[in-house]
Amino acid sequence: MSVSPAVTPEPVDLPYFPDPVGPAGKIGLITLATDFNSEDDLRGILPADIRLFTTRIENANPVTVENLRAMADDLPRAARTLLPGYGVDVAIFGCTSGTAVTGSERIASLIHQGMPGVKVTNPLLAGELALRAVKAQKIAILTPYVADVTRSVADGFAAQGFKATRLMGFGLDSDQDMTALPPGILLEAALKADTPDADAVFISCTAIRSAEIAAEAEKKLGKPVITSNQALIWHALHLLGYDKPVTGFGTLFDHAPQPEE
């Protein structure tokens, strides 16, 4: 039904003060085209006064080292689509295994090509800082991946001086199958992956719903449990200078990143 041309549009003459969008900060997530989980997971952890904005990088299943490495070239384009003309305060690359095969420094460099000067984090970097914050050196690692992708994550941590006490993976090569892993099964797997000499358990992958079981796993294990999405938000909040408490996702949020030596 059309409006008669005789009707003249009127201005809305109401006084108001604009509500700021993300008053405590804006975080930009570069996630995978095949991702089913990270947006929901990250928003579930984020405080209400911070907003998450998302773009997607081109990729394809299966999740193999070769496919993970190939998708990095699309990062500059994806970064340019994060609120163009406005920008974000922190940019997140939401793929642990993709960072492991490409390297944190190259990930940051590629994002800066599309969004110069932005603060950047990724799950491997955030995980490393989180493990140092909880004073862990020996770690048990649980992943949803196939063996060589699991090994690439362990190698990434080894390069930063961490020792893996056990590596366990579900052997999955599809993001949809990873997200379909029930949180209860992830909890059981985390308990199984732990070793007595591990200082902490690291659960890799932004595609799995592990952040919600981190606190319960810590209670059962009596040691810190770090997950990819939990560590991402923890690090991003510190990059923002956010100092309000975050509860319900493990003891990591009681710690601050350790200063670089």
Protein backbone atom coordinates (compact mmCIF):
# COMPACT_ATOMS: atom_id res chain seq x y z
CA MET A 1 0.00 0.00 0.00
CA SER A 2 1.53 3.31 -1.06
CA VAL A 3 1.41 6.61 0.82
CA SER A 4 -0.45 9.45 -0.86
CA PRO A 5 1.95 12.01 -2.34
CA ALA A 6 -0.14 14.67 -0.61
CA VAL A 7 1.19 13.51 2.80
CA THR A 8 4.25 15.53 3.78
CA PRO A 9 6.97 13.81 5.87
CA GLU A 10 7.37 15.36 9.31
CA PRO A 11 10.49 15.38 11.48
CA VAL A 12 10.44 13.48 14.77
CA ASP A 13 10.79 16.39 17.15
CA LEU A 14 11.73 14.60 20.37
CA PRO A 15 14.70 15.60 22.54
CA TYR A 16 17.07 12.78 23.40
CA PHE A 17 20.67 11.94 24.17
CA PRO A 18 22.11 9.23 21.86
CA ASP A 19 22.97 5.92 23.50
CA PRO A 20 26.61 5.11 22.73
CA VAL A 21 27.22 1.88 20.85
CA GLY A 22 29.53 -0.26 22.95
CA PRO A 23 30.32 2.41 25.55
CA ALA A 24 33.15 0.38 27.08
CA GLY A 25 34.60 -0.76 23.76
CA LYS A 26 34.04 -2.37 20.39
CA ILE A 27 35.60 -5.73 19.54
CA GLY A 28 35.80 -6.98 15.97
CA LEU A 29 35.77 -10.73 15.36
CA ILE A 30 37.19 -12.20 12.18
CA THR A 31 35.74 -15.68 12.18
CA LEU A 32 35.61 -18.49 9.64
CA ALA A 33 32.99 -18.75 6.93
CA THR A 34 32.23 -22.24 8.30
CA ASP A 35 32.10 -21.18 11.97
CA PHE A 36 28.98 -22.25 13.89
CA ASN A 37 29.91 -21.20 17.41
CA SER A 38 32.32 -18.40 18.22
CA GLU A 39 29.92 -15.46 17.88
CA ASP A 40 27.48 -16.97 20.39
CA ASP A 41 30.27 -18.12 22.68
CA LEU A 42 32.08 -14.78 22.77
CA ARG A 43 28.90 -12.76 23.26
CA GLY A 44 27.98 -15.06 26.13
CA ILE A 45 31.20 -14.13 27.94
CA LEU A 46 31.36 -10.44 27.05
CA PRO A 47 30.07 -7.84 29.53
CA ALA A 48 26.95 -5.99 28.36
CA ASP A 49 28.72 -2.64 27.88
CA ILE A 50 31.03 -4.05 25.18
CA ARG A 51 29.79 -4.85 21.67
CA LEU A 52 31.04 -7.55 19.32
CA PHE A 53 31.02 -7.01 15.56
CA THR A 54 31.70 -9.85 13.16
CA THR A 55 33.06 -10.46 9.70
CA ARG A 56 34.01 -13.75 8.06
CA ILE A 57 37.09 -15.06 6.32
CA GLU A 58 36.87 -17.37 3.34
CA ASN A 59 37.71 -20.98 4.16
CA ALA A 60 36.58 -24.51 3.49
CA ASN A 61 36.29 -27.82 5.29
CA PRO A 62 37.90 -30.24 5.89
CA VAL A 63 40.01 -28.72 8.65
CA THR A 64 43.49 -29.68 7.49
CA VAL A 65 46.84 -27.96 7.86
CA GLU A 66 46.80 -27.10 4.15
CA ASN A 67 43.32 -25.55 4.22
CA LEU A 68 44.07 -23.65 7.42
CA ARG A 69 47.22 -22.19 5.92
CA ALA A 70 45.46 -21.19 2.68
CA MET A 71 42.79 -19.04 4.32
CA ALA A 72 45.23 -16.50 5.81
CA ASP A 73 45.45 -14.58 2.52
CA ASP A 74 41.85 -13.40 2.97
CA LEU A 75 42.55 -11.69 6.31
CA PRO A 76 43.31 -8.18 4.94
CA ARG A 77 40.03 -8.10 3.01
CA ALA A 78 38.07 -9.37 6.00
CA ALA A 79 39.66 -6.80 8.32
CA ARG A 80 38.63 -3.98 5.99
CA THR A 81 34.99 -4.96 6.42
CA LEU A 82 34.96 -4.47 10.21
CA LEU A 83 32.93 -1.26 10.65
CA PRO A 84 34.65 0.61 7.79
CA GLY A 85 34.91 4.29 8.54
CA TYR A 86 34.50 3.66 12.27
CA GLY A 87 36.84 0.81 13.22
CA VAL A 88 37.02 -1.28 16.36
CA ASP A 89 39.17 -1.07 19.47
CA VAL A 90 40.44 -4.66 19.33
CA ALA A 91 40.41 -7.15 16.45
CA ILE A 92 40.18 -10.87 17.18
CA PHE A 93 41.13 -13.63 14.78
CA GLY A 94 38.88 -16.49 15.83
CA CYS A 95 40.79 -19.62 14.86
CA THR A 96 43.29 -21.38 17.11
CA SER A 97 44.50 -23.95 14.60
CA GLY A 98 44.67 -21.37 11.80
CA THR A 99 46.92 -19.23 13.99
CA ALA A 100 49.07 -22.22 14.86
CA VAL A 101 49.87 -23.04 11.22
CA THR A 102 50.26 -19.40 10.13
CA GLY A 103 51.89 -17.82 13.19
CA SER A 104 50.69 -15.03 15.50
CA GLU A 105 52.95 -12.38 14.04
CA ARG A 106 51.83 -13.02 10.45
CA ILE A 107 48.17 -13.06 11.54
CA ALA A 108 48.62 -9.62 13.12
CA SER A 109 50.50 -8.32 10.07
CA LEU A 110 47.76 -9.45 7.68
CA ILE A 111 45.01 -7.91 9.82
CA HIS A 112 46.97 -4.64 10.00
CA GLN A 113 47.07 -4.55 6.21
CA GLY A 114 43.30 -4.17 6.28
CA MET A 115 43.00 -2.24 9.54
CA PRO A 116 46.26 -0.42 10.38
CA GLY A 117 47.07 0.24 14.01
CA VAL A 118 44.31 -1.81 15.62
CA LYS A 119 45.13 -3.92 18.67
CA VAL A 120 45.05 -7.60 17.67
CA THR A 121 44.75 -10.90 19.46
CA ASN A 122 44.17 -14.53 18.52
CA PRO A 123 43.47 -17.72 20.47
CA LEU A 124 47.06 -18.99 20.46
CA LEU A 125 48.51 -15.68 21.68
CA ALA A 126 45.71 -15.23 24.21
CA GLY A 127 46.15 -18.84 25.34
CA GLU A 128 49.88 -18.38 25.84
CA LEU A 129 49.33 -15.21 27.90
CA ALA A 130 46.57 -16.88 29.89
CA LEU A 131 48.76 -19.87 30.73
CA ARG A 132 51.55 -17.58 31.88
CA ALA A 133 49.08 -15.60 33.98
CA VAL A 134 48.06 -18.76 35.86
CA LYS A 135 51.74 -19.75 36.10
CA ALA A 136 51.43 -22.90 34.00
CA GLN A 137 54.43 -24.40 32.24
CA LYS A 138 53.33 -28.01 31.74
CA ILE A 139 49.97 -28.34 29.99
CA ALA A 140 47.60 -31.09 28.90
CA ILE A 141 46.02 -30.21 25.55
CA LEU A 142 42.57 -31.26 24.34
CA THR A 143 41.39 -30.48 20.79
CA PRO A 144 38.59 -31.52 18.43
CA TYR A 145 41.05 -31.85 15.52
CA VAL A 146 42.72 -34.58 13.53
CA ALA A 147 46.20 -35.58 14.68
CA ASP A 148 48.40 -33.30 12.55
CA VAL A 149 46.31 -30.22 13.36
CA THR A 150 46.45 -31.11 17.06
CA ARG A 151 50.22 -31.41 16.73
CA SER A 152 50.45 -27.95 15.13
CA VAL A 153 48.75 -26.40 18.17
CA ALA A 154 51.10 -28.25 20.53
CA ASP A 155 54.07 -27.08 18.44
CA GLY A 156 52.84 -23.50 18.73
CA PHE A 157 52.84 -23.73 22.51
CA ALA A 158 56.18 -25.57 22.54
CA ALA A 159 57.72 -22.70 20.59
CA GLN A 160 56.76 -20.43 23.48
CA GLY A 161 58.38 -22.70 26.08
CA PHE A 162 55.43 -24.80 27.23
CA LYS A 163 55.67 -28.56 27.63
CA ALA A 164 52.74 -30.77 26.68
CA THR A 165 52.13 -33.65 29.09
CA ARG A 166 49.36 -35.16 26.94
CA LEU A 167 47.72 -34.44 23.57
CA MET A 168 44.19 -35.65 22.95
CA GLY A 169 41.95 -34.96 19.94
CA PHE A 170 38.49 -36.03 18.78
CA GLY A 171 39.74 -36.54 15.20
CA LEU A 172 37.14 -34.23 13.61
CA ASP A 173 37.72 -32.27 10.40
CA SER A 174 34.40 -30.39 10.12
CA ASP A 175 33.48 -27.19 11.98
CA GLN A 176 29.87 -28.30 12.22
CA ASP A 177 30.88 -31.58 13.86
CA MET A 178 33.12 -29.70 16.27
CA THR A 179 30.34 -27.37 17.39
CA ALA A 180 28.03 -30.38 17.75
CA LEU A 181 30.25 -31.84 20.49
CA PRO A 182 28.09 -31.74 23.65
CA PRO A 183 29.59 -29.65 26.47
CA GLY A 184 29.21 -32.61 28.82
CA ILE A 185 31.44 -34.71 26.56
CA LEU A 186 33.99 -31.89 26.46
CA LEU A 187 34.00 -31.88 30.25
CA GLU A 188 34.59 -35.63 30.38
CA ALA A 189 37.34 -35.34 27.78
CA ALA A 190 39.06 -32.54 29.71
CA LEU A 191 39.14 -34.72 32.82
CA LYS A 192 40.55 -37.58 30.76
CA ALA A 193 43.17 -35.40 29.06
CA ASP A 194 44.59 -34.12 32.35
CA THR A 195 47.76 -35.59 33.81
CA PRO A 196 48.98 -35.31 37.42
CA ASP A 197 52.03 -33.28 36.38
CA ALA A 198 50.10 -30.78 34.23
CA ASP A 199 49.83 -27.28 35.69
CA ALA A 200 46.76 -26.55 33.55
CA VAL A 201 44.54 -27.98 30.83
CA PHE A 202 44.19 -26.10 27.54
CA ILE A 203 41.09 -26.81 25.44
CA SER A 204 41.70 -25.65 21.90
CA CYS A 205 39.29 -24.38 19.21
CA THR A 206 36.83 -21.50 18.98
CA ALA A 207 34.32 -23.81 17.26
CA ILE A 208 33.65 -25.92 20.36
CA ARG A 209 31.47 -25.00 23.33
CA SER A 210 34.14 -25.39 25.98
CA ALA A 211 34.04 -21.97 27.67
CA GLU A 212 30.85 -22.91 29.47
CA ILE A 213 32.45 -25.95 31.13
CA ALA A 214 35.75 -24.29 32.13
CA ALA A 215 34.66 -23.39 35.67
CA GLU A 216 33.21 -26.85 36.38
CA ALA A 217 36.31 -28.55 34.94
CA GLU A 218 38.50 -26.45 37.22
CA LYS A 219 36.51 -27.52 40.27
CA LYS A 220 36.84 -31.17 39.37
CA LEU A 221 40.53 -30.98 38.42
CA GLY A 222 41.72 -28.52 41.04
CA LYS A 223 43.77 -26.62 38.45
CA PRO A 224 43.26 -23.90 35.82
CA VAL A 225 41.42 -24.72 32.61
CA ILE A 226 42.02 -22.39 29.68
CA THR A 227 39.84 -22.46 26.55
CA SER A 228 40.26 -20.60 23.27
CA ASN A 229 37.20 -18.34 23.49
CA GLN A 230 37.56 -17.70 27.21
CA ALA A 231 41.20 -16.65 26.70
CA LEU A 232 40.27 -14.46 23.71
CA ILE A 233 37.78 -12.41 25.71
CA TRP A 234 40.12 -12.23 28.72
CA HIS A 235 42.95 -10.85 26.58
CA ALA A 236 40.71 -8.53 24.56
CA LEU A 237 39.32 -7.02 27.78
CA HIS A 238 42.83 -6.33 29.03
CA LEU A 239 43.74 -4.73 25.70
CA LEU A 240 40.71 -2.48 26.20
CA GLY A 241 41.77 -1.66 29.76
CA TYR A 242 38.48 -3.09 31.03
CA ASP A 243 38.62 -3.65 34.79
CA LYS A 244 35.12 -4.76 35.83
CA PRO A 245 34.74 -8.36 37.06
CA VAL A 246 33.76 -11.21 34.75
CA THR A 247 32.44 -14.30 36.50
CA GLY A 248 31.27 -17.78 35.60
CA PHE A 249 34.00 -18.70 33.13
CA GLY A 250 36.86 -19.88 35.30
CA THR A 251 39.57 -18.38 37.47
CA LEU A 252 41.47 -16.92 34.52
CA PHE A 253 39.45 -13.70 34.90
CA ASP A 254 40.98 -13.25 38.37
CA HIS A 255 44.40 -12.79 36.75
CA ALA A 256 46.08 -10.09 34.70
CA PRO A 257 48.53 -10.78 31.86
CA GLN A 258 52.13 -11.03 33.03
CA PRO A 259 54.43 -8.21 31.89
CA GLU A 260 56.85 -9.20 29.14
CA GLU A 261 60.38 -9.84 30.36
